[in-house]
N, C-alpha and C. Protein backbone atom coordinates (compact mmCIF):
# COMPACT_ATOMS: atom_id res chain seq x y z
N UNK A 1 89.09 177.01 55.26
CA UNK A 1 90.29 177.96 55.08
C UNK A 1 91.41 177.13 55.02
N UNK A 2 92.63 177.61 54.58
CA UNK A 2 94.01 176.96 54.23
C UNK A 2 94.95 177.33 55.48
N UNK A 3 95.31 176.71 56.13
CA UNK A 3 96.20 177.14 57.19
C UNK A 3 97.49 176.30 57.47
N UNK A 4 98.90 177.05 57.23
CA UNK A 4 99.94 176.49 56.70
C UNK A 4 100.81 176.96 58.07
N UNK A 5 101.43 175.87 58.53
CA UNK A 5 102.75 176.28 59.93
C UNK A 5 104.21 175.84 59.23
N UNK A 6 105.05 177.17 59.67
CA UNK A 6 106.21 176.86 58.98
C UNK A 6 106.82 176.64 59.81
N UNK A 7 108.55 175.93 59.89
CA UNK A 7 109.54 176.11 60.57
C UNK A 7 110.50 177.30 60.02
N UNK A 8 110.81 177.89 60.94
CA UNK A 8 111.98 179.48 60.49
C UNK A 8 113.28 178.84 60.46
N UNK A 9 114.31 179.40 59.66
CA UNK A 9 115.63 178.91 60.04
C UNK A 9 116.46 180.41 59.19
N UNK A 10 117.25 180.30 58.69
CA UNK A 10 117.92 181.31 58.11
C UNK A 10 117.40 182.24 56.79
N UNK A 11 116.62 181.60 56.10
CA UNK A 11 116.20 182.07 54.92
C UNK A 11 114.36 182.36 55.19
N UNK A 12 114.20 183.09 54.92
CA UNK A 12 112.52 183.64 54.57
C UNK A 12 112.03 183.09 53.19
N UNK A 13 112.65 182.63 52.20
CA UNK A 13 112.21 182.32 51.08
C UNK A 13 111.69 180.88 50.91
N UNK A 14 111.64 179.84 51.75
CA UNK A 14 110.45 178.83 51.82
C UNK A 14 109.34 179.02 51.86
N UNK A 15 109.44 180.30 52.93
CA UNK A 15 107.72 180.63 53.45
C UNK A 15 107.27 181.57 52.44
N UNK A 16 108.32 182.28 51.42
CA UNK A 16 107.37 183.40 50.72
C UNK A 16 106.94 182.25 49.41
N UNK A 17 107.43 181.48 49.34
CA UNK A 17 107.45 180.56 48.34
C UNK A 17 106.12 179.60 48.91
N UNK A 18 105.85 179.44 49.58
CA UNK A 18 104.71 178.87 50.18
C UNK A 18 103.38 179.83 49.88
N UNK A 19 103.50 180.82 50.17
CA UNK A 19 102.12 181.56 50.17
C UNK A 19 101.72 182.18 48.29
N UNK A 20 102.88 181.82 47.39
CA UNK A 20 103.00 181.93 46.19
C UNK A 20 102.51 180.63 45.29
N UNK A 21 102.80 179.37 45.93
CA UNK A 21 102.06 178.25 45.53
C UNK A 21 100.65 177.86 46.06
N UNK A 22 100.47 178.15 47.79
CA UNK A 22 99.07 177.45 48.06
C UNK A 22 98.29 178.81 48.14
N UNK A 23 96.94 178.75 48.56
CA UNK A 23 96.27 179.68 48.82
C UNK A 23 96.08 179.73 50.33
N UNK A 24 96.92 180.44 51.11
CA UNK A 24 97.20 180.37 52.54
C UNK A 24 96.14 181.65 52.92
N UNK A 25 95.51 181.14 53.96
CA UNK A 25 94.53 182.25 54.52
C UNK A 25 95.13 182.44 55.83
N UNK A 26 95.90 181.22 56.54
CA UNK A 26 96.57 181.98 58.15
C UNK A 26 97.88 180.92 57.82
N UNK A 27 98.69 181.76 58.52
CA UNK A 27 100.31 181.29 58.73
C UNK A 27 100.49 181.21 60.14
N UNK A 28 101.26 180.16 60.36
CA UNK A 28 101.64 180.12 61.40
C UNK A 28 103.29 180.24 61.79
N UNK A 29 103.88 180.86 62.46
CA UNK A 29 105.34 180.61 62.07
C UNK A 29 105.93 180.03 63.90
N UNK A 30 106.79 179.07 63.25
CA UNK A 30 107.62 178.50 64.27
C UNK A 30 109.25 178.96 64.43
N UNK A 31 109.20 179.79 65.63
CA UNK A 31 110.46 180.65 65.67
C UNK A 31 111.59 180.28 66.79
N UNK A 32 112.96 180.02 67.19
CA UNK A 32 113.41 180.52 67.98
C UNK A 32 114.08 181.89 68.71
N UNK A 33 115.02 181.50 69.45
CA UNK A 33 115.29 183.03 70.35
C UNK A 33 116.37 183.51 69.18
N UNK A 34 117.20 182.57 68.24
CA UNK A 34 118.29 183.09 67.32
C UNK A 34 117.77 184.14 66.99
N UNK A 35 118.69 185.33 66.66
CA UNK A 35 118.59 186.19 66.34
C UNK A 35 118.24 186.48 64.84
N UNK A 36 118.52 185.60 63.91
CA UNK A 36 117.97 185.59 62.42
C UNK A 36 116.71 184.73 62.42
N UNK A 37 116.82 184.07 63.11
CA UNK A 37 115.25 183.34 63.02
C UNK A 37 114.26 184.31 63.31
N UNK A 38 114.42 185.52 64.63
CA UNK A 38 113.58 186.11 65.19
C UNK A 38 113.59 187.23 63.87
N UNK A 39 114.64 187.79 63.34
CA UNK A 39 114.27 188.47 62.01
C UNK A 39 113.76 188.24 61.38
N UNK A 40 113.65 187.29 60.53
CA UNK A 40 112.87 186.65 59.48
C UNK A 40 111.37 186.75 59.66
N UNK A 41 111.19 186.20 61.19
CA UNK A 41 109.98 186.08 61.59
C UNK A 41 109.16 187.31 61.50
N UNK A 42 109.62 187.98 62.04
CA UNK A 42 109.28 189.67 61.74
C UNK A 42 108.76 190.04 60.25
N UNK A 43 110.13 189.71 59.83
CA UNK A 43 109.46 190.39 58.07
C UNK A 43 109.00 189.68 57.32
N UNK A 44 108.83 188.29 57.98
CA UNK A 44 107.77 187.72 57.30
C UNK A 44 106.07 187.86 57.55
N UNK A 45 106.20 188.01 58.82
CA UNK A 45 104.74 188.60 59.14
C UNK A 45 104.19 189.81 58.75
N UNK A 46 105.23 190.77 58.39
CA UNK A 46 105.28 192.15 58.32
C UNK A 46 103.95 192.30 56.75
N UNK A 47 105.44 191.21 55.67
CA UNK A 47 105.11 191.05 54.31
C UNK A 47 104.02 190.20 54.04
N UNK A 48 103.51 189.12 54.82
CA UNK A 48 102.62 188.77 54.57
C UNK A 48 100.88 189.18 54.99
N UNK A 49 101.43 190.19 56.41
CA UNK A 49 100.07 190.64 56.56
C UNK A 49 99.12 191.75 55.45
N UNK A 50 100.32 192.72 54.48
CA UNK A 50 100.52 193.12 53.26
C UNK A 50 99.53 192.26 52.59
N UNK A 51 99.61 191.25 52.27
CA UNK A 51 98.53 190.33 51.45
C UNK A 51 97.41 190.08 52.00
N UNK A 52 97.06 190.34 52.97
CA UNK A 52 96.10 189.87 53.86
C UNK A 52 95.74 188.68 54.39
N UNK A 53 96.96 188.47 54.83
CA UNK A 53 96.79 186.92 55.31
C UNK A 53 97.62 186.73 56.75
N UNK A 54 96.58 186.40 57.47
CA UNK A 54 96.43 186.19 59.34
C UNK A 54 97.95 185.76 59.10
N UNK A 55 98.67 186.13 60.51
CA UNK A 55 99.87 185.55 60.90
C UNK A 55 100.09 185.86 61.71
N UNK A 56 100.75 184.83 62.55
CA UNK A 56 100.95 184.38 64.00
C UNK A 56 102.29 183.87 64.16
N UNK A 57 103.09 183.57 65.29
CA UNK A 57 104.42 183.28 65.56
C UNK A 57 104.50 182.80 67.05
N UNK A 58 105.02 181.38 66.75
CA UNK A 58 105.07 180.60 68.09
C UNK A 58 106.44 180.43 68.51
N UNK A 59 107.28 180.53 69.55
CA UNK A 59 108.51 180.46 70.00
C UNK A 59 108.66 179.36 70.67
N UNK A 60 109.81 178.29 70.26
CA UNK A 60 110.06 177.06 70.43
C UNK A 60 111.77 176.62 70.67
N UNK A 61 111.64 175.48 71.68
CA UNK A 61 113.11 175.21 71.84
C UNK A 61 113.30 174.44 70.63
N UNK A 62 114.28 174.83 69.81
CA UNK A 62 114.51 174.10 68.76
C UNK A 62 115.35 172.61 68.92
N UNK A 63 115.61 172.13 69.98
CA UNK A 63 116.24 170.76 70.23
C UNK A 63 115.26 169.73 70.94
N UNK A 64 114.17 170.67 71.23
CA UNK A 64 112.93 169.87 72.28
C UNK A 64 111.72 169.37 71.49
N UNK A 65 111.99 168.25 70.90
CA UNK A 65 110.99 167.33 69.72
C UNK A 65 109.74 167.14 70.32
N UNK A 66 109.70 167.03 71.58
CA UNK A 66 108.25 166.67 72.25
C UNK A 66 107.46 168.22 72.42
N UNK A 67 107.90 169.17 72.61
CA UNK A 67 107.98 170.75 72.88
C UNK A 67 107.19 170.99 71.49
N UNK A 68 108.19 170.85 70.44
CA UNK A 68 107.40 171.28 69.24
C UNK A 68 106.30 170.51 68.72
N UNK A 69 106.21 169.26 68.70
CA UNK A 69 105.06 168.32 68.53
C UNK A 69 103.72 168.90 69.33
N UNK A 70 103.62 169.26 70.39
CA UNK A 70 102.50 169.89 71.10
C UNK A 70 102.02 170.90 70.59
N UNK A 71 103.63 172.14 70.19
CA UNK A 71 102.94 173.08 70.09
C UNK A 71 102.10 172.91 68.48
N UNK A 72 102.49 172.15 67.59
CA UNK A 72 101.65 171.99 66.41
C UNK A 72 100.28 171.52 66.76
N UNK A 73 100.92 170.52 67.56
CA UNK A 73 99.10 169.56 67.93
C UNK A 73 98.08 170.92 68.35
N UNK A 74 98.54 171.87 69.15
CA UNK A 74 97.51 172.74 69.83
C UNK A 74 97.16 173.59 68.42
N UNK A 75 98.07 174.19 67.65
CA UNK A 75 97.47 174.88 66.35
C UNK A 75 96.68 174.65 65.73
N UNK A 76 96.61 172.96 65.48
CA UNK A 76 96.13 172.11 64.89
C UNK A 76 94.45 171.74 65.31
N UNK A 77 94.79 171.82 66.60
CA UNK A 77 93.38 171.51 67.57
C UNK A 77 92.42 173.02 67.57
N UNK A 78 93.58 174.03 67.74
CA UNK A 78 92.40 175.53 67.20
C UNK A 78 91.71 175.87 66.22
N UNK A 79 92.85 175.02 65.03
CA UNK A 79 92.16 175.04 63.42
C UNK A 79 91.54 173.70 63.29
N UNK A 80 90.93 173.08 63.59
CA UNK A 80 90.52 171.77 63.71
C UNK A 80 89.48 171.63 62.67
N UNK A 81 88.77 172.78 62.29
CA UNK A 81 88.02 172.69 60.88
C UNK A 81 88.52 173.24 59.49
N UNK A 82 89.81 173.26 60.10
CA UNK A 82 90.47 174.07 58.45
C UNK A 82 91.24 172.77 58.15
N UNK A 83 91.55 172.98 56.54
CA UNK A 83 93.01 172.48 56.23
C UNK A 83 94.06 172.36 56.58
N UNK A 84 95.38 172.15 57.05
CA UNK A 84 96.46 172.35 57.85
C UNK A 84 97.36 171.79 56.96
N UNK A 85 98.45 172.52 56.47
CA UNK A 85 99.59 171.93 55.90
C UNK A 85 100.88 172.35 56.66
N UNK A 86 102.05 171.79 56.67
CA UNK A 86 103.30 172.08 57.37
C UNK A 86 104.48 172.20 56.56
N UNK A 87 104.74 173.24 56.25
CA UNK A 87 106.28 173.38 55.19
C UNK A 87 107.60 173.50 56.69
N UNK A 88 108.32 172.00 56.16
CA UNK A 88 109.38 171.64 57.10
C UNK A 88 110.57 172.07 56.63
N UNK A 89 111.17 173.19 55.63
CA UNK A 89 111.72 173.56 55.16
C UNK A 89 113.30 174.13 55.85
N UNK A 90 112.91 174.93 56.75
CA UNK A 90 113.43 176.03 57.96
C UNK A 90 113.69 175.09 58.90
N UNK A 91 114.60 175.79 59.67
CA UNK A 91 114.76 175.31 61.13
C UNK A 91 115.93 174.33 61.35
N UNK A 92 116.05 173.53 62.31
CA UNK A 92 116.98 172.82 62.77
C UNK A 92 116.60 171.50 62.12
N UNK A 93 117.05 170.32 62.44
CA UNK A 93 116.51 169.09 62.06
C UNK A 93 115.68 168.63 62.79
N UNK A 94 115.62 168.98 64.30
CA UNK A 94 114.85 168.61 65.11
C UNK A 94 113.64 169.21 64.86
N UNK A 95 113.83 170.29 64.61
CA UNK A 95 112.58 171.19 64.35
C UNK A 95 111.81 170.55 63.15
N UNK A 96 112.38 170.14 61.89
CA UNK A 96 111.73 169.55 60.76
C UNK A 96 111.25 168.02 61.08
N UNK A 97 112.18 167.79 61.68
CA UNK A 97 111.66 165.92 62.41
C UNK A 97 110.48 166.29 63.07
N UNK A 98 110.60 167.23 64.36
CA UNK A 98 109.60 166.86 65.14
C UNK A 98 107.88 167.49 64.06
N UNK A 99 108.13 168.71 63.33
CA UNK A 99 107.00 168.75 62.20
C UNK A 99 106.94 167.40 61.02
N UNK A 100 107.47 166.85 60.62
CA UNK A 100 107.08 166.14 59.81
C UNK A 100 106.75 165.01 60.81
N UNK A 101 106.63 164.47 62.05
CA UNK A 101 106.18 163.37 62.53
C UNK A 101 104.77 163.61 63.19
N UNK A 102 104.86 165.11 63.55
CA UNK A 102 103.37 165.43 63.66
C UNK A 102 102.29 165.41 62.68
N UNK A 103 102.90 165.90 61.49
CA UNK A 103 102.24 165.79 60.13
C UNK A 103 101.57 164.20 59.67
N UNK A 104 102.78 163.31 59.87
CA UNK A 104 102.30 162.20 59.95
C UNK A 104 101.34 161.52 61.10
N UNK A 105 101.57 162.24 62.09
CA UNK A 105 100.52 161.50 63.04
C UNK A 105 98.83 161.75 62.83
N UNK A 106 99.10 162.98 62.10
CA UNK A 106 97.65 163.92 62.03
C UNK A 106 97.33 163.61 60.64
N UNK A 107 98.06 162.77 59.73
CA UNK A 107 97.61 162.60 58.50
C UNK A 107 97.65 164.11 57.75
N UNK A 108 98.43 165.08 58.21
CA UNK A 108 98.40 166.48 57.31
C UNK A 108 99.54 166.51 56.26
N UNK A 109 99.42 167.34 55.15
CA UNK A 109 99.98 167.76 54.05
C UNK A 109 101.30 168.01 54.65
N UNK A 110 102.19 167.35 54.19
CA UNK A 110 104.07 167.69 54.67
C UNK A 110 104.54 168.23 53.13
N UNK A 111 105.47 169.29 53.29
CA UNK A 111 106.10 169.57 52.09
C UNK A 111 107.36 171.05 52.42
N UNK A 112 108.26 170.61 51.52
CA UNK A 112 109.25 171.15 51.52
C UNK A 112 109.86 172.15 50.62
N UNK A 113 110.95 172.92 50.13
CA UNK A 113 110.84 173.40 49.31
C UNK A 113 112.82 173.30 49.00
N UNK A 114 113.20 172.17 47.95
CA UNK A 114 114.29 172.63 47.72
C UNK A 114 115.58 173.76 47.61
N UNK A 115 116.42 173.88 47.96
CA UNK A 115 117.58 174.99 47.92
C UNK A 115 117.54 175.62 46.55
N UNK A 116 117.18 176.87 46.32
CA UNK A 116 117.06 177.27 45.14
C UNK A 116 118.81 177.74 44.89
N UNK A 117 119.50 177.85 46.12
CA UNK A 117 120.61 178.67 45.84
C UNK A 117 121.96 177.83 45.26
N UNK A 118 121.34 176.27 45.32
CA UNK A 118 122.51 175.39 45.21
C UNK A 118 122.32 175.13 43.17
N UNK A 119 123.43 174.44 42.80
CA UNK A 119 123.81 174.63 41.50
C UNK A 119 122.94 174.10 40.73
N UNK A 120 122.51 172.79 41.14
CA UNK A 120 121.34 171.91 40.68
C UNK A 120 120.47 172.45 40.74
N UNK A 121 119.80 173.36 41.38
CA UNK A 121 118.43 173.78 41.51
C UNK A 121 118.65 175.22 40.76
N UNK A 122 119.37 175.75 40.37
CA UNK A 122 119.14 176.92 39.93
C UNK A 122 118.57 177.27 38.43
N UNK A 123 117.43 178.37 38.27
CA UNK A 123 116.66 178.12 37.17
C UNK A 123 115.46 177.50 36.78
N UNK A 124 115.07 176.72 38.36
CA UNK A 124 113.87 175.82 38.91
C UNK A 124 113.04 176.77 38.86
N UNK A 125 111.60 176.37 38.49
CA UNK A 125 110.52 177.19 38.96
C UNK A 125 109.86 176.87 40.39
N UNK A 126 109.34 177.42 41.06
CA UNK A 126 108.74 177.24 42.44
C UNK A 126 108.10 175.80 42.42
N UNK A 127 107.35 175.40 41.43
CA UNK A 127 106.94 174.32 41.28
C UNK A 127 107.59 173.11 41.26
N UNK A 128 108.78 173.34 40.83
CA UNK A 128 109.56 172.29 40.40
C UNK A 128 110.52 172.16 41.72
N UNK A 129 110.75 173.44 42.81
CA UNK A 129 111.42 173.43 43.85
C UNK A 129 110.48 172.32 45.33
N UNK A 130 109.28 172.45 44.56
CA UNK A 130 108.33 172.15 45.77
C UNK A 130 108.52 170.52 45.78
N UNK A 131 108.75 169.83 47.00
CA UNK A 131 108.18 168.54 47.26
C UNK A 131 107.12 168.03 48.49
N UNK A 132 106.31 167.61 48.17
CA UNK A 132 105.02 167.30 49.17
C UNK A 132 105.52 165.65 49.49
N UNK A 133 105.05 165.49 50.74
CA UNK A 133 105.55 164.07 51.00
C UNK A 133 104.50 163.18 51.33
N UNK A 134 104.59 162.10 51.50
CA UNK A 134 103.76 161.15 51.32
C UNK A 134 102.72 161.10 52.63
N UNK A 135 101.59 160.99 52.54
CA UNK A 135 101.03 160.81 54.06
C UNK A 135 100.93 159.04 54.52
N UNK A 136 101.39 158.69 55.71
CA UNK A 136 100.92 157.46 55.88
C UNK A 136 99.39 157.28 56.40
N UNK A 137 99.50 155.69 56.50
CA UNK A 137 98.46 155.15 56.59
C UNK A 137 98.03 155.68 58.30
N UNK A 138 98.50 155.88 59.04
CA UNK A 138 98.45 155.78 60.57
C UNK A 138 98.26 157.14 60.95
N UNK A 139 97.19 157.59 61.72
CA UNK A 139 96.76 159.36 62.17
C UNK A 139 96.22 159.08 63.69
N UNK A 140 95.95 159.86 64.44
CA UNK A 140 95.28 159.92 65.24
C UNK A 140 93.81 159.68 64.71
N UNK A 141 93.16 160.32 63.54
CA UNK A 141 91.58 159.59 63.53
C UNK A 141 91.36 158.23 63.07
N UNK A 142 92.77 157.56 62.90
CA UNK A 142 92.53 156.28 62.64
C UNK A 142 92.21 155.17 63.85
N UNK A 143 92.39 155.74 65.12
CA UNK A 143 92.55 155.23 66.43
C UNK A 143 91.22 155.51 66.91
N UNK A 144 90.45 153.91 67.15
CA UNK A 144 89.25 154.10 67.92
C UNK A 144 89.58 154.61 69.18
N UNK A 145 88.22 154.89 70.13
CA UNK A 145 88.55 155.48 71.78
C UNK A 145 89.47 154.22 72.15
N UNK A 146 88.81 152.87 71.94
CA UNK A 146 89.74 151.93 73.19
C UNK A 146 90.89 151.88 72.55
N UNK A 147 91.75 152.23 71.59
CA UNK A 147 92.81 152.07 71.20
C UNK A 147 93.42 153.07 71.87
N UNK A 148 93.28 154.37 72.00
CA UNK A 148 93.62 155.34 72.58
C UNK A 148 93.96 155.33 74.01
N UNK A 149 92.70 154.63 74.55
CA UNK A 149 93.05 154.21 76.02
C UNK A 149 94.12 153.32 76.62
N UNK A 150 94.00 152.12 75.43
CA UNK A 150 94.90 150.94 76.11
C UNK A 150 96.64 151.56 75.93
N UNK A 151 96.84 152.24 74.97
CA UNK A 151 98.04 153.09 74.61
C UNK A 151 98.45 153.68 75.98
N UNK A 152 97.42 154.94 76.31
CA UNK A 152 97.63 155.93 77.78
C UNK A 152 98.01 154.74 78.46
N UNK A 153 96.87 153.59 79.08
CA UNK A 153 96.74 152.91 79.65
C UNK A 153 98.12 152.13 79.74
N UNK A 154 98.94 152.03 78.71
CA UNK A 154 100.31 151.25 78.85
C UNK A 154 101.52 151.86 79.14
N UNK A 155 101.31 153.49 78.74
CA UNK A 155 102.13 154.35 79.03
C UNK A 155 102.18 154.66 80.57
N UNK A 156 100.97 154.38 80.93
CA UNK A 156 100.74 154.37 82.89
C UNK A 156 101.79 153.42 83.29
N UNK A 157 101.86 152.42 82.55
CA UNK A 157 102.31 151.33 83.46
C UNK A 157 103.53 151.22 82.59
N UNK A 158 104.65 152.25 82.77
CA UNK A 158 105.66 152.35 81.80
C UNK A 158 105.99 151.77 80.84
N UNK A 159 104.77 151.78 79.97
CA UNK A 159 105.10 151.35 78.39
C UNK A 159 105.07 150.17 78.29
N UNK A 160 104.93 149.27 79.16
CA UNK A 160 104.79 147.77 78.63
C UNK A 160 104.04 146.88 79.87
N UNK A 161 103.15 146.12 79.67
CA UNK A 161 102.69 144.90 80.28
C UNK A 161 103.23 143.57 79.75
N UNK A 162 103.25 142.82 80.99
CA UNK A 162 103.33 141.50 80.79
C UNK A 162 102.37 140.45 80.32
N UNK A 163 101.40 140.87 80.77
CA UNK A 163 100.47 140.04 80.65
C UNK A 163 99.15 141.05 80.52
N UNK A 164 99.48 141.66 78.45
CA UNK A 164 98.43 142.82 78.42
C UNK A 164 97.11 142.42 78.58
N UNK A 165 96.81 141.22 77.90
CA UNK A 165 95.54 140.23 77.57
C UNK A 165 94.89 141.01 78.88
N UNK A 166 95.09 140.16 79.85
CA UNK A 166 94.26 140.44 81.45
C UNK A 166 94.39 141.57 82.08
N UNK A 167 95.88 142.37 82.18
CA UNK A 167 95.70 143.20 82.89
C UNK A 167 94.99 144.32 81.92
N UNK A 168 94.78 144.90 80.88
CA UNK A 168 93.75 145.75 80.07
C UNK A 168 92.51 145.42 80.56
N UNK A 169 92.27 144.28 79.74
CA UNK A 169 90.51 144.02 80.53
C UNK A 169 90.09 144.23 81.59
N UNK A 170 90.91 143.83 82.61
CA UNK A 170 90.82 144.05 84.16
C UNK A 170 90.98 145.73 84.31
N UNK A 171 92.01 146.52 84.15
CA UNK A 171 92.01 147.83 83.82
C UNK A 171 90.89 148.84 83.44
N UNK A 172 90.64 148.29 82.20
CA UNK A 172 90.04 149.08 81.31
C UNK A 172 88.36 148.47 81.39
N UNK A 173 88.10 147.31 81.98
CA UNK A 173 86.70 146.64 81.92
C UNK A 173 86.24 146.34 80.55
N UNK A 174 87.18 146.04 79.62
CA UNK A 174 86.59 145.35 78.41
C UNK A 174 86.65 144.31 78.74
N UNK A 175 85.89 143.58 77.43
CA UNK A 175 85.86 141.88 77.60
C UNK A 175 87.12 141.60 76.58
N UNK A 176 87.40 140.50 76.95
CA UNK A 176 88.76 139.36 76.65
C UNK A 176 88.76 139.56 74.77
N UNK A 177 87.87 139.43 74.57
CA UNK A 177 87.72 139.38 72.79
C UNK A 177 87.96 140.87 72.60
N UNK A 178 87.32 141.72 73.17
CA UNK A 178 87.42 143.36 72.22
C UNK A 178 88.97 143.66 72.78
N UNK A 179 89.39 143.15 73.85
CA UNK A 179 91.10 143.17 74.47
C UNK A 179 91.87 142.98 72.97
N UNK A 180 91.70 141.33 72.75
CA UNK A 180 92.15 140.79 71.95
C UNK A 180 92.55 141.32 70.27
N UNK A 181 91.26 142.16 70.13
CA UNK A 181 91.39 142.82 68.86
C UNK A 181 91.49 143.72 68.73
N UNK A 182 91.64 144.59 69.82
CA UNK A 182 92.73 145.90 69.45
C UNK A 182 93.65 145.92 69.91
N UNK A 183 94.32 145.06 70.62
CA UNK A 183 95.92 144.98 70.44
C UNK A 183 96.68 144.68 69.28
N UNK A 184 95.73 143.46 68.67
CA UNK A 184 96.35 143.26 67.14
C UNK A 184 96.07 144.35 66.66
N UNK A 185 94.80 145.06 66.72
CA UNK A 185 94.92 146.35 65.67
C UNK A 185 96.16 147.20 65.66
N UNK A 186 96.67 147.47 67.08
CA UNK A 186 97.34 148.13 67.49
C UNK A 186 98.83 147.94 66.74
N UNK A 187 98.99 146.56 67.07
CA UNK A 187 99.98 145.98 66.16
C UNK A 187 100.58 146.05 65.20
N UNK A 188 99.29 145.71 64.35
CA UNK A 188 99.65 146.20 63.03
C UNK A 188 99.44 147.84 62.34
N UNK A 189 99.13 148.87 63.31
CA UNK A 189 99.16 150.21 63.25
C UNK A 189 100.80 150.51 63.53
N UNK A 190 101.64 149.93 64.05
CA UNK A 190 103.01 149.60 64.72
C UNK A 190 103.32 150.82 65.91
N UNK A 191 102.10 150.41 66.71
CA UNK A 191 102.16 151.68 67.58
C UNK A 191 102.66 150.64 68.81
N UNK A 192 102.26 149.31 68.84
CA UNK A 192 102.51 148.41 70.13
C UNK A 192 103.44 147.16 69.54
N UNK A 193 104.22 146.35 70.23
CA UNK A 193 104.73 145.17 69.90
C UNK A 193 104.17 144.12 70.62
N UNK A 194 103.89 143.28 70.28
CA UNK A 194 103.28 142.09 70.58
C UNK A 194 103.96 140.75 71.24
N UNK A 195 104.36 140.01 72.10
CA UNK A 195 104.95 138.83 72.17
C UNK A 195 103.74 137.84 72.65
N UNK A 196 104.17 136.53 72.25
CA UNK A 196 102.91 135.53 72.66
C UNK A 196 103.87 134.36 73.58
N UNK A 197 103.23 133.94 74.70
CA UNK A 197 103.69 133.13 75.44
C UNK A 197 102.73 132.34 76.01
N UNK A 198 101.96 131.54 75.22
CA UNK A 198 101.01 130.54 75.46
C UNK A 198 99.84 131.28 75.64
N UNK A 199 99.17 131.70 76.54
CA UNK A 199 97.67 132.24 76.42
C UNK A 199 97.81 133.86 76.82
N UNK A 200 99.52 134.26 77.08
CA UNK A 200 99.73 135.30 77.99
C UNK A 200 100.68 136.31 76.81
N UNK A 201 99.78 137.32 76.71
CA UNK A 201 100.18 138.45 75.65
C UNK A 201 101.28 139.66 76.09
N UNK A 202 102.37 139.77 75.94
CA UNK A 202 103.20 140.70 76.67
C UNK A 202 103.21 142.12 75.24
N UNK A 203 102.44 143.38 75.95
CA UNK A 203 102.39 144.17 75.01
C UNK A 203 103.48 145.63 75.37
N UNK A 204 104.06 146.04 74.44
CA UNK A 204 105.43 147.09 74.93
C UNK A 204 104.98 148.13 73.48
N UNK A 205 104.84 149.59 73.65
CA UNK A 205 104.83 150.70 73.19
C UNK A 205 106.11 150.78 72.07
N UNK A 206 105.60 150.81 71.04
CA UNK A 206 106.91 151.40 70.43
C UNK A 206 107.24 152.73 69.84
N UNK A 207 108.07 153.20 69.59
CA UNK A 207 108.51 154.56 69.75
C UNK A 207 107.39 155.59 69.07
N UNK A 208 107.20 155.45 68.00
CA UNK A 208 105.78 156.13 67.57
C UNK A 208 104.42 155.92 68.60
N UNK A 209 104.16 154.66 69.37
CA UNK A 209 103.13 154.81 70.17
C UNK A 209 103.55 155.25 71.71
N UNK A 210 104.78 155.50 71.59
CA UNK A 210 104.89 156.00 73.09
C UNK A 210 104.63 157.57 72.68
N UNK A 211 105.11 158.04 71.68
CA UNK A 211 104.96 159.58 71.25
C UNK A 211 103.02 159.56 71.07
N UNK A 212 102.60 158.73 70.74
CA UNK A 212 101.32 159.06 70.34
C UNK A 212 100.59 159.04 72.04
N UNK A 213 100.98 157.85 72.91
CA UNK A 213 100.32 157.95 74.14
C UNK A 213 100.46 159.11 74.81
N UNK A 214 101.90 159.92 74.95
CA UNK A 214 102.21 161.03 75.61
C UNK A 214 101.40 162.51 75.48
N UNK A 215 100.98 162.57 73.72
CA UNK A 215 100.01 163.26 73.09
C UNK A 215 98.91 163.42 73.86
N UNK A 216 98.76 161.90 74.10
CA UNK A 216 96.64 161.61 74.14
C UNK A 216 96.64 162.01 75.71
N UNK A 217 97.55 161.64 76.45
CA UNK A 217 97.84 161.93 78.08
C UNK A 217 97.59 163.41 78.53
N UNK A 218 98.08 164.34 77.38
CA UNK A 218 98.07 165.73 77.67
C UNK A 218 96.64 166.49 76.98
N UNK A 219 95.96 165.72 76.42
CA UNK A 219 94.77 166.18 75.76
C UNK A 219 93.52 166.50 76.99
């Protein structure tokens, strides 16, 4: 099944465009307590149900990035066997950023529609208004279980260890060789920064690594 998640703002059109562009089976709307957002959400639900599309809504804080990420993660987890895409056109910049970030983390299709009210977009077809964003190389599925354990271990130690190669193999009961290998892999994936001091390696979570670790620690 094809599942789409959409952030809702002051216009219904981007969501209606999506169901005319893709074969959507399920639609999840992320809305705020703003009256316009709620009105659009209710109208979209009523309209898409006429097309036989399952539709549900989730209330979010439009300025809480982590809450939005976790809400989308939960939807994806509940629909893990389906193809999930995210429409980031509507809502606040933080809503769009959180949705984009989650899509990147999970390796999902992320897209938006150009504003058809702007002069330069008038007369364009829906397909011409559609912009699909490239998917980055790193997602949760790219992380081995040991690498997940390491970044969560770093999180529990305030995101940084001065003697990471020693503290991690002792704390997680790994071999020195294994620890060194996974630290290098995590650094290559941009989730940690490594500083070498002789035989000692200092490891610190990057902003992306910190978010990955926070989400993993809640699973």
